[in-house]
PDB file of N, CA and C in Angstrom:
ATOM      1  N   MET A   1      90.481 104.911  77.038  1.00  0.00           N
ATOM      2  CA  MET A   1      90.143 104.622  78.408  1.00  0.00           C
ATOM      3  C   MET A   1      91.352 103.990  79.099  1.00  0.00           C
ATOM      4  N   GLU A   2      91.662 104.462  80.268  1.00  0.00           N
ATOM      5  CA  GLU A   2      92.817 103.975  81.008  1.00  0.00           C
ATOM      6  C   GLU A   2      92.451 102.745  81.824  1.00  0.00           C
ATOM      7  N   ARG A   3      93.288 101.708  81.759  1.00  0.00           N
ATOM      8  CA  ARG A   3      93.062 100.492  82.540  1.00  0.00           C
ATOM      9  C   ARG A   3      93.590 100.675  83.940  1.00  0.00           C
ATOM     10  N   ASP A   4      92.941 100.010  84.889  1.00  0.00           N
ATOM     11  CA  ASP A   4      93.445 100.002  86.252  1.00  0.00           C
ATOM     12  C   ASP A   4      94.772  99.256  86.293  1.00  0.00           C
ATOM     13  N   ARG A   5      95.631  99.680  87.176  1.00  0.00           N
ATOM     14  CA  ARG A   5      96.902  98.993  87.338  1.00  0.00           C
ATOM     15  C   ARG A   5      96.641  97.619  87.941  1.00  0.00           C
ATOM     16  N   THR A   6      97.363  96.622  87.460  1.00  0.00           N
ATOM     17  CA  THR A   6      97.237  95.270  88.001  1.00  0.00           C
ATOM     18  C   THR A   6      98.609  94.759  88.429  1.00  0.00           C
ATOM     19  N   TYR A   7      98.574  93.724  89.250  1.00  0.00           N
ATOM     20  CA  TYR A   7      99.791  93.192  89.848  1.00  0.00           C
ATOM     21  C   TYR A   7      99.848  91.682  89.645  1.00  0.00           C
ATOM     22  N   SER A   8     101.057  91.164  89.571  1.00  0.00           N
ATOM     23  CA  SER A   8     101.271  89.722  89.430  1.00  0.00           C
ATOM     24  C   SER A   8     101.043  89.035  90.773  1.00  0.00           C
ATOM     25  N   ILE A   9     100.896  87.727  90.729  1.00  0.00           N
ATOM     26  CA  ILE A   9     100.688  86.967  91.954  1.00  0.00           C
ATOM     27  C   ILE A   9     101.909  87.061  92.876  1.00  0.00           C
ATOM     28  N   GLY A  10     103.106  87.122  92.305  1.00  0.00           N
ATOM     29  CA  GLY A  10     104.310  87.255  93.129  1.00  0.00           C
ATOM     30  C   GLY A  10     104.345  88.575  93.889  1.00  0.00           C
ATOM     31  N   LYS A  11     103.975  89.647  93.208  1.00  0.00           N
ATOM     32  CA  LYS A  11     103.932  90.967  93.846  1.00  0.00           C
ATOM     33  C   LYS A  11     102.894  90.979  94.964  1.00  0.00           C
ATOM     34  N   VAL A  12     101.720  90.406  94.691  1.00  0.00           N
ATOM     35  CA  VAL A  12     100.654  90.375  95.698  1.00  0.00           C
ATOM     36  C   VAL A  12     101.078  89.527  96.891  1.00  0.00           C
ATOM     37  N   ALA A  13     101.705  88.390  96.635  1.00  0.00           N
ATOM     38  CA  ALA A  13     102.178  87.529  97.720  1.00  0.00           C
ATOM     39  C   ALA A  13     103.118  88.309  98.642  1.00  0.00           C
ATOM     40  N   ASN A  14     104.018  89.085  98.062  1.00  0.00           N
ATOM     41  CA  ASN A  14     104.934  89.897  98.868  1.00  0.00           C
ATOM     42  C   ASN A  14     104.219  91.016  99.609  1.00  0.00           C
ATOM     43  N   LEU A  15     103.248  91.641  98.961  1.00  0.00           N
ATOM     44  CA  LEU A  15     102.519  92.756  99.582  1.00  0.00           C
ATOM     45  C   LEU A  15     101.681  92.323 100.776  1.00  0.00           C
ATOM     46  N   VAL A  16     101.018  91.176 100.663  1.00  0.00           N
ATOM     47  CA  VAL A  16     100.071  90.768 101.702  1.00  0.00           C
ATOM     48  C   VAL A  16     100.604  89.689 102.640  1.00  0.00           C
ATOM     49  N   GLY A  17     101.722  89.083 102.294  1.00  0.00           N
ATOM     50  CA  GLY A  17     102.298  88.065 103.166  1.00  0.00           C
ATOM     51  C   GLY A  17     101.596  86.719 103.102  1.00  0.00           C
ATOM     52  N   VAL A  18     101.055  86.398 101.938  1.00  0.00           N
ATOM     53  CA  VAL A  18     100.415  85.097 101.717  1.00  0.00           C
ATOM     54  C   VAL A  18     101.182  84.416 100.585  1.00  0.00           C
ATOM     55  N   PRO A  19     101.638  83.183 100.798  1.00  0.00           N
ATOM     56  CA  PRO A  19     102.400  82.491  99.745  1.00  0.00           C
ATOM     57  C   PRO A  19     101.590  82.349  98.451  1.00  0.00           C
ATOM     58  N   LYS A  20     102.304  82.308  97.345  1.00  0.00           N
ATOM     59  CA  LYS A  20     101.657  82.193  96.034  1.00  0.00           C
ATOM     60  C   LYS A  20     100.766  80.958  95.939  1.00  0.00           C
ATOM     61  N   TYR A  21     101.217  79.832  96.469  1.00  0.00           N
ATOM     62  CA  TYR A  21     100.407  78.611  96.355  1.00  0.00           C
ATOM     63  C   TYR A  21      99.072  78.768  97.074  1.00  0.00           C
ATOM     64  N   LYS A  22      99.064  79.516  98.204  1.00  0.00           N
ATOM     65  CA  LYS A  22      97.794  79.745  98.909  1.00  0.00           C
ATOM     66  C   LYS A  22      96.904  80.702  98.119  1.00  0.00           C
ATOM     67  N   LEU A  23      97.499  81.725  97.555  1.00  0.00           N
ATOM     68  CA  LEU A  23      96.711  82.650  96.733  1.00  0.00           C
ATOM     69  C   LEU A  23      96.083  81.915  95.553  1.00  0.00           C
ATOM     70  N   ARG A  24      96.828  81.033  94.934  1.00  0.00           N
ATOM     71  CA  ARG A  24      96.281  80.260  93.816  1.00  0.00           C
ATOM     72  C   ARG A  24      95.074  79.439  94.267  1.00  0.00           C
ATOM     73  N   HIS A  25      95.208  78.791  95.419  1.00  0.00           N
ATOM     74  CA  HIS A  25      94.104  78.004  95.965  1.00  0.00           C
ATOM     75  C   HIS A  25      92.889  78.888  96.241  1.00  0.00           C
ATOM     76  N   TRP A  26      93.122  80.016  96.910  1.00  0.00           N
ATOM     77  CA  TRP A  26      92.015  80.931  97.225  1.00  0.00           C
ATOM     78  C   TRP A  26      91.316  81.364  95.940  1.00  0.00           C
ATOM     79  N   CYS A  27      92.108  81.715  94.938  1.00  0.00           N
ATOM     80  CA  CYS A  27      91.529  82.193  93.674  1.00  0.00           C
ATOM     81  C   CYS A  27      90.762  81.088  92.955  1.00  0.00           C
ATOM     82  N   ASP A  28      91.366  79.920  92.854  1.00  0.00           N
ATOM     83  CA  ASP A  28      90.722  78.820  92.135  1.00  0.00           C
ATOM     84  C   ASP A  28      89.419  78.398  92.798  1.00  0.00           C
ATOM     85  N   ARG A  29      89.404  78.421  94.102  1.00  0.00           N
ATOM     86  CA  ARG A  29      88.242  77.883  94.817  1.00  0.00           C
ATOM     87  C   ARG A  29      87.222  78.944  95.213  1.00  0.00           C
ATOM     88  N   TYR A  30      87.668  80.136  95.595  1.00  0.00           N
ATOM     89  CA  TYR A  30      86.763  81.094  96.224  1.00  0.00           C
ATOM     90  C   TYR A  30      86.711  82.484  95.578  1.00  0.00           C
ATOM     91  N   LEU A  31      87.676  82.813  94.746  1.00  0.00           N
ATOM     92  CA  LEU A  31      87.748  84.165  94.183  1.00  0.00           C
ATOM     93  C   LEU A  31      87.772  84.115  92.655  1.00  0.00           C
ATOM     94  N   PRO A  32      86.697  83.652  92.040  1.00  0.00           N
ATOM     95  CA  PRO A  32      86.702  83.511  90.578  1.00  0.00           C
ATOM     96  C   PRO A  32      86.748  84.848  89.842  1.00  0.00           C
ATOM     97  N   GLU A  33      86.484  85.928  90.544  1.00  0.00           N
ATOM     98  CA  GLU A  33      86.481  87.242  89.886  1.00  0.00           C
ATOM     99  C   GLU A  33      87.887  87.772  89.594  1.00  0.00           C
ATOM    100  N   ILE A  34      88.907  87.137  90.146  1.00  0.00           N
ATOM    101  CA  ILE A  34      90.277  87.556  89.860  1.00  0.00           C
ATOM    102  C   ILE A  34      90.550  87.311  88.382  1.00  0.00           C
ATOM    103  N   GLU A  35      91.004  88.351  87.702  1.00  0.00           N
ATOM    104  CA  GLU A  35      91.232  88.278  86.256  1.00  0.00           C
ATOM    105  C   GLU A  35      92.382  87.329  85.917  1.00  0.00           C
ATOM    106  N   LYS A  36      92.186  86.583  84.852  1.00  0.00           N
ATOM    107  CA  LYS A  36      93.254  85.753  84.297  1.00  0.00           C
ATOM    108  C   LYS A  36      93.482  86.208  82.868  1.00  0.00           C
ATOM    109  N   ILE A  37      94.735  86.341  82.518  1.00  0.00           N
ATOM    110  CA  ILE A  37      95.068  86.703  81.141  1.00  0.00           C
ATOM    111  C   ILE A  37      95.859  85.562  80.512  1.00  0.00           C
ATOM    112  N   ASP A  38      95.667  85.378  79.228  1.00  0.00           N
ATOM    113  CA  ASP A  38      96.382  84.338  78.495  1.00  0.00           C
ATOM    114  C   ASP A  38      97.637  84.918  77.869  1.00  0.00           C
ATOM    115  N   ILE A  39      98.758  84.273  78.142  1.00  0.00           N
ATOM    116  CA  ILE A  39     100.025  84.612  77.504  1.00  0.00           C
ATOM    117  C   ILE A  39     100.577  83.303  76.960  1.00  0.00           C
ATOM    118  N   GLU A  40     100.575  83.232  75.630  1.00  0.00           N
ATOM    119  CA  GLU A  40     100.917  81.999  74.930  1.00  0.00           C
ATOM    120  C   GLU A  40     100.020  80.874  75.428  1.00  0.00           C
ATOM    121  N   ASP A  41     100.570  79.811  75.992  1.00  0.00           N
ATOM    122  CA  ASP A  41      99.736  78.691  76.421  1.00  0.00           C
ATOM    123  C   ASP A  41      99.522  78.652  77.933  1.00  0.00           C
ATOM    124  N   MET A  42      99.734  79.783  78.591  1.00  0.00           N
ATOM    125  CA  MET A  42      99.582  79.842  80.047  1.00  0.00           C
ATOM    126  C   MET A  42      98.617  80.948  80.444  1.00  0.00           C
ATOM    127  N   GLN A  43      97.998  80.765  81.617  1.00  0.00           N
ATOM    128  CA  GLN A  43      97.161  81.812  82.182  1.00  0.00           C
ATOM    129  C   GLN A  43      97.882  82.426  83.375  1.00  0.00           C
ATOM    130  N   HIS A  44      97.764  83.743  83.474  1.00  0.00           N
ATOM    131  CA  HIS A  44      98.390  84.479  84.571  1.00  0.00           C
ATOM    132  C   HIS A  44      97.332  85.310  85.269  1.00  0.00           C
ATOM    133  N   ARG A  45      97.318  85.246  86.583  1.00  0.00           N
ATOM    134  CA  ARG A  45      96.377  86.059  87.352  1.00  0.00           C
ATOM    135  C   ARG A  45      96.884  87.487  87.428  1.00  0.00           C
ATOM    136  N   ARG A  46      95.946  88.426  87.374  1.00  0.00           N
ATOM    137  CA  ARG A  46      96.275  89.844  87.530  1.00  0.00           C
ATOM    138  C   ARG A  46      95.345  90.413  88.591  1.00  0.00           C
ATOM    139  N   PHE A  47      95.915  91.027  89.598  1.00  0.00           N
ATOM    140  CA  PHE A  47      95.179  91.510  90.755  1.00  0.00           C
ATOM    141  C   PHE A  47      95.092  93.035  90.729  1.00  0.00           C
ATOM    142  N   THR A  48      93.900  93.555  90.991  1.00  0.00           N
ATOM    143  CA  THR A  48      93.698  95.001  91.085  1.00  0.00           C
ATOM    144  C   THR A  48      93.917  95.435  92.531  1.00  0.00           C
ATOM    145  N   ASP A  49      93.946  96.743  92.746  1.00  0.00           N
ATOM    146  CA  ASP A  49      94.057  97.264  94.120  1.00  0.00           C
ATOM    147  C   ASP A  49      92.892  96.769  94.972  1.00  0.00           C
ATOM    148  N   ARG A  50      91.710  96.710  94.380  1.00  0.00           N
ATOM    149  CA  ARG A  50      90.528  96.236  95.112  1.00  0.00           C
ATOM    150  C   ARG A  50      90.690  94.764  95.509  1.00  0.00           C
ATOM    151  N   ASP A  51      91.222  93.947  94.594  1.00  0.00           N
ATOM    152  CA  ASP A  51      91.485  92.536  94.903  1.00  0.00           C
ATOM    153  C   ASP A  51      92.457  92.417  96.072  1.00  0.00           C
ATOM    154  N   ILE A  52      93.485  93.239  96.056  1.00  0.00           N
ATOM    155  CA  ILE A  52      94.508  93.193  97.104  1.00  0.00           C
ATOM    156  C   ILE A  52      93.905  93.570  98.450  1.00  0.00           C
ATOM    157  N   GLU A  53      93.049  94.567  98.479  1.00  0.00           N
ATOM    158  CA  GLU A  53      92.397  94.953  99.736  1.00  0.00           C
ATOM    159  C   GLU A  53      91.547  93.811 100.273  1.00  0.00           C
ATOM    160  N   LEU A  54      90.822  93.126  99.398  1.00  0.00           N
ATOM    161  CA  LEU A  54      90.011  91.984  99.816  1.00  0.00           C
ATOM    162  C   LEU A  54      90.907  90.881 100.387  1.00  0.00           C
ATOM    163  N   ILE A  55      92.008  90.604  99.729  1.00  0.00           N
ATOM    164  CA  ILE A  55      92.933  89.561 100.193  1.00  0.00           C
ATOM    165  C   ILE A  55      93.536  89.940 101.541  1.00  0.00           C
ATOM    166  N   LYS A  56      93.856  91.204 101.735  1.00  0.00           N
ATOM    167  CA  LYS A  56      94.376  91.654 103.040  1.00  0.00           C
ATOM    168  C   LYS A  56      93.356  91.404 104.144  1.00  0.00           C
ATOM    169  N   LYS A  57      92.088  91.664 103.849  1.00  0.00           N
ATOM    170  CA  LYS A  57      91.037  91.432 104.842  1.00  0.00           C
ATOM    171  C   LYS A  57      90.879  89.943 105.125  1.00  0.00           C
ATOM    172  N   ILE A  58      90.934  89.132 104.081  1.00  0.00           N
ATOM    173  CA  ILE A  58      90.845  87.684 104.270  1.00  0.00           C
ATOM    174  C   ILE A  58      91.985  87.219 105.167  1.00  0.00           C
ATOM    175  N   LYS A  59      93.182  87.680 104.889  1.00  0.00           N
ATOM    176  CA  LYS A  59      94.342  87.285 105.693  1.00  0.00           C
ATOM    177  C   LYS A  59      94.177  87.721 107.145  1.00  0.00           C
ATOM    178  N   ALA A  60      93.655  88.920 107.356  1.00  0.00           N
ATOM    179  CA  ALA A  60      93.450  89.405 108.723  1.00  0.00           C
ATOM    180  C   ALA A  60      92.480  88.499 109.486  1.00  0.00           C
ATOM    181  N   TYR A  61      91.411  88.087 108.831  1.00  0.00           N
ATOM    182  CA  TYR A  61      90.475  87.160 109.474  1.00  0.00           C
ATOM    183  C   TYR A  61      91.123  85.805 109.720  1.00  0.00           C
ATOM    184  N   ARG A  62      91.908  85.316 108.769  1.00  0.00           N
ATOM    185  CA  ARG A  62      92.608  84.035 108.959  1.00  0.00           C
ATOM    186  C   ARG A  62      93.567  84.126 110.134  1.00  0.00           C
ATOM    187  N   ASP A  63      94.269  85.257 110.250  1.00  0.00           N
ATOM    188  CA  ASP A  63      95.205  85.458 111.355  1.00  0.00           C
ATOM    189  C   ASP A  63      94.495  85.468 112.707  1.00  0.00           C
ATOM    190  N   ARG A  64      93.213  85.815 112.689  1.00  0.00           N
ATOM    191  CA  ARG A  64      92.413  85.829 113.923  1.00  0.00           C
ATOM    192  C   ARG A  64      91.774  84.475 114.208  1.00  0.00           C
ATOM    193  N   GLY A  65      92.027  83.479 113.342  1.00  0.00           N
ATOM    194  CA  GLY A  65      91.565  82.126 113.598  1.00  0.00           C
ATOM    195  C   GLY A  65      90.324  81.696 112.845  1.00  0.00           C
ATOM    196  N   PHE A  66      89.817  82.519 111.937  1.00  0.00           N
ATOM    197  CA  PHE A  66      88.644  82.156 111.158  1.00  0.00           C
ATOM    198  C   PHE A  66      89.012  81.077 110.142  1.00  0.00           C
ATOM    199  N   THR A  67      88.049  80.212 109.810  1.00  0.00           N
ATOM    200  CA  THR A  67      88.265  79.284 108.706  1.00  0.00           C
ATOM    201  C   THR A  67      88.370  80.109 107.431  1.00  0.00           C
ATOM    202  N   LEU A  68      88.908  79.511 106.382  1.00  0.00           N
ATOM    203  CA  LEU A  68      89.046  80.233 105.123  1.00  0.00           C
ATOM    204  C   LEU A  68      87.685  80.684 104.602  1.00  0.00           C
ATOM    205  N   GLU A  69      86.703  79.794 104.653  1.00  0.00           N
ATOM    206  CA  GLU A  69      85.368  80.135 104.163  1.00  0.00           C
ATOM    207  C   GLU A  69      84.772  81.310 104.938  1.00  0.00           C
ATOM    208  N   ALA A  70      84.891  81.270 106.261  1.00  0.00           N
ATOM    209  CA  ALA A  70      84.358  82.357 107.100  1.00  0.00           C
ATOM    210  C   ALA A  70      85.138  83.645 106.873  1.00  0.00           C
ATOM    211  N   ALA A  71      86.442  83.533 106.703  1.00  0.00           N
ATOM    212  CA  ALA A  71      87.270  84.716 106.468  1.00  0.00           C
ATOM    213  C   ALA A  71      86.866  85.401 105.168  1.00  0.00           C
ATOM    214  N   ILE A  72      86.637  84.617 104.126  1.00  0.00           N
ATOM    215  CA  ILE A  72      86.238  85.188 102.838  1.00  0.00           C
ATOM    216  C   ILE A  72      84.861  85.817 102.942  1.00  0.00           C
ATOM    217  N   GLU A  73      83.935  85.136 103.579  1.00  0.00           N
ATOM    218  CA  GLU A  73      82.579  85.689 103.737  1.00  0.00           C
ATOM    219  C   GLU A  73      82.610  86.994 104.525  1.00  0.00           C
ATOM    220  N   ASN A  74      83.341  87.012 105.633  1.00  0.00           N
ATOM    221  CA  ASN A  74      83.430  88.226 106.443  1.00  0.00           C
ATOM    222  C   ASN A  74      84.126  89.351 105.696  1.00  0.00           C
ATOM    223  N   ALA A  75      85.176  89.024 104.960  1.00  0.00           N
ATOM    224  CA  ALA A  75      85.896  90.049 104.199  1.00  0.00           C
ATOM    225  C   ALA A  75      84.995  90.647 103.122  1.00  0.00           C
ATOM    226  N   ARG A  76      84.242  89.808 102.440  1.00  0.00           N
ATOM    227  CA  ARG A  76      83.308  90.304 101.417  1.00  0.00           C
ATOM    228  C   ARG A  76      82.213  91.163 102.050  1.00  0.00           C
ATOM    229  N   ASN A  77      81.641  90.692 103.148  1.00  0.00           N
ATOM    230  CA  ASN A  77      80.597  91.457 103.831  1.00  0.00           C
ATOM    231  C   ASN A  77      81.139  92.762 104.369  1.00  0.00           C
ATOM    232  N   ASN A  78      82.353  92.731 104.873  1.00  0.00           N
ATOM    233  CA  ASN A  78      82.998  93.932 105.399  1.00  0.00           C
ATOM    234  C   ASN A  78      83.195  94.954 104.291  1.00  0.00           C
ATOM    235  N   SER A  79      83.616  94.487 103.115  1.00  0.00           N
ATOM    236  CA  SER A  79      83.824  95.393 101.978  1.00  0.00           C
ATOM    237  C   SER A  79      82.513  96.012 101.541  1.00  0.00           C
ATOM    238  N   THR A  80      81.455  95.209 101.498  1.00  0.00           N
ATOM    239  CA  THR A  80      80.138  95.712 101.108  1.00  0.00           C
ATOM    240  C   THR A  80      79.629  96.703 102.145  1.00  0.00           C
ATOM    241  N   ALA A  81      79.796  96.381 103.412  1.00  0.00           N
ATOM    242  CA  ALA A  81      79.322  97.256 104.482  1.00  0.00           C
ATOM    243  C   ALA A  81      80.071  98.584 104.472  1.00  0.00           C
ATOM    244  N   GLU A  82      81.374  98.544 104.209  1.00  0.00           N
ATOM    245  CA  GLU A  82      82.144  99.794 104.171  1.00  0.00           C
ATOM    246  C   GLU A  82      81.654 100.701 103.059  1.00  0.00           C
ATOM    247  N   GLY A  83      81.370 100.132 101.900  1.00  0.00           N
ATOM    248  CA  GLY A  83      80.846 100.932 100.798  1.00  0.00           C
ATOM    249  C   GLY A  83      79.500 101.520 101.146  1.00  0.00           C
ATOM    250  N   HIS A  84      78.652 100.725 101.805  1.00  0.00           N
ATOM    251  CA  HIS A  84      77.328 101.197 102.211  1.00  0.00           C
ATOM    252  C   HIS A  84      77.455 102.274 103.279  1.00  0.00           C
ATOM    253  N   GLU A  85      78.356 102.052 104.258  1.00  0.00           N
ATOM    254  CA  GLU A  85      78.554 103.037 105.321  1.00  0.00           C
ATOM    255  C   GLU A  85      79.081 104.348 104.770  1.00  0.00           C
ATOM    256  N   ALA A  86      79.959 104.283 103.788  1.00  0.00           N
ATOM    257  CA  ALA A  86      80.501 105.511 103.200  1.00  0.00           C
ATOM    258  C   ALA A  86      79.389 106.294 102.520  1.00  0.00           C
ATOM    259  N   ASN A  87      78.496 105.592 101.805  1.00  0.00           N
ATOM    260  CA  ASN A  87      77.381 106.255 101.148  1.00  0.00           C
ATOM    261  C   ASN A  87      76.382 106.789 102.157  1.00  0.00           C
ATOM    262  N   SER A  88      76.086 106.024 103.207  1.00  0.00           N
ATOM    263  CA  SER A  88      75.099 106.465 104.177  1.00  0.00           C
ATOM    264  C   SER A  88      75.670 107.503 105.132  1.00  0.00           C
ATOM    265  N   ALA A  89      76.998 107.551 105.294  1.00  0.00           N
ATOM    266  CA  ALA A  89      77.600 108.554 106.168  1.00  0.00           C
ATOM    267  C   ALA A  89      77.318 109.952 105.638  1.00  0.00           C
ATOM    268  N   THR A  90      77.377 110.121 104.342  1.00  0.00           N
ATOM    269  CA  THR A  90      77.071 111.419 103.747  1.00  0.00           C
ATOM    270  C   THR A  90      75.613 111.770 103.989  1.00  0.00           C
ATOM    271  N   THR A  91      74.734 110.810 103.794  1.00  0.00           N
ATOM    272  CA  THR A  91      73.310 111.026 104.019  1.00  0.00           C
ATOM    273  C   THR A  91      73.045 111.296 105.489  1.00  0.00           C
ATOM    274  N   ASN A  92      73.637 110.503 106.381  1.00  0.00           N
ATOM    275  CA  ASN A  92      73.410 110.664 107.806  1.00  0.00           C
ATOM    276  C   ASN A  92      73.912 111.996 108.322  1.00  0.00           C
ATOM    277  N   SER A  93      75.026 112.487 107.811  1.00  0.00           N
ATOM    278  CA  SER A  93      75.538 113.765 108.283  1.00  0.00           C
ATOM    279  C   SER A  93      74.583 114.882 107.910  1.00  0.00           C
ATOM    280  N   THR A  94      73.952 114.779 106.752  1.00  0.00           N
ATOM    281  CA  THR A  94      72.968 115.768 106.339  1.00  0.00           C
ATOM    282  C   THR A  94      71.737 115.658 107.227  1.00  0.00           C
ATOM    283  N   GLU A  95      71.300 114.429 107.507  1.00  0.00           N
ATOM    284  CA  GLU A  95      70.114 114.225 108.336  1.00  0.00           C
ATOM    285  C   GLU A  95      70.346 114.729 109.748  1.00  0.00           C
ATOM    286  N   ARG A  96      71.544 114.529 110.288  1.00  0.00           N
ATOM    287  CA  ARG A  96      71.841 114.978 111.638  1.00  0.00           C
ATOM    288  C   ARG A  96      71.753 116.483 111.773  1.00  0.00           C
ATOM    289  N   LYS A  97      72.179 117.180 110.726  1.00  0.00           N
ATOM    290  CA  LYS A  97      72.144 118.632 110.779  1.00  0.00           C
ATOM    291  C   LYS A  97      70.726 119.148 110.847  1.00  0.00           C
ATOM    292  N   GLU A  98      69.809 118.418 110.195  1.00  0.00           N
ATOM    293  CA  GLU A  98      68.425 118.859 110.149  1.00  0.00           C
ATOM    294  C   GLU A  98      67.710 118.611 111.472  1.00  0.00           C
ATOM    295  N   VAL A  99      68.165 117.647 112.242  1.00  0.00           N
ATOM    296  CA  VAL A  99      67.467 117.274 113.483  1.00  0.00           C
ATOM    297  C   VAL A  99      67.699 118.232 114.574  1.00  0.00           C
TER     298      VAL A  99
END
């Protein structure tokens, strides 16, 4: 089975424009699902493409003036809604044809 590609915190910080120290705070406090791997006596965060998309959305909400808590909630809800809309779009297009 092939593993999803993951990225280091430094790579993610560069990709999304959020400093590493802020990403660490976000992960420790609000994003416990971010994978941590043990290497010797240290833990390293590994971010998936899905994690990066969520972080980009959080940053976009923060840039618009949302508190961190509200930005995370909206980003999570937005991600859930997009998945639901994608599934219902297929259903709705079929229903529209029948009407």
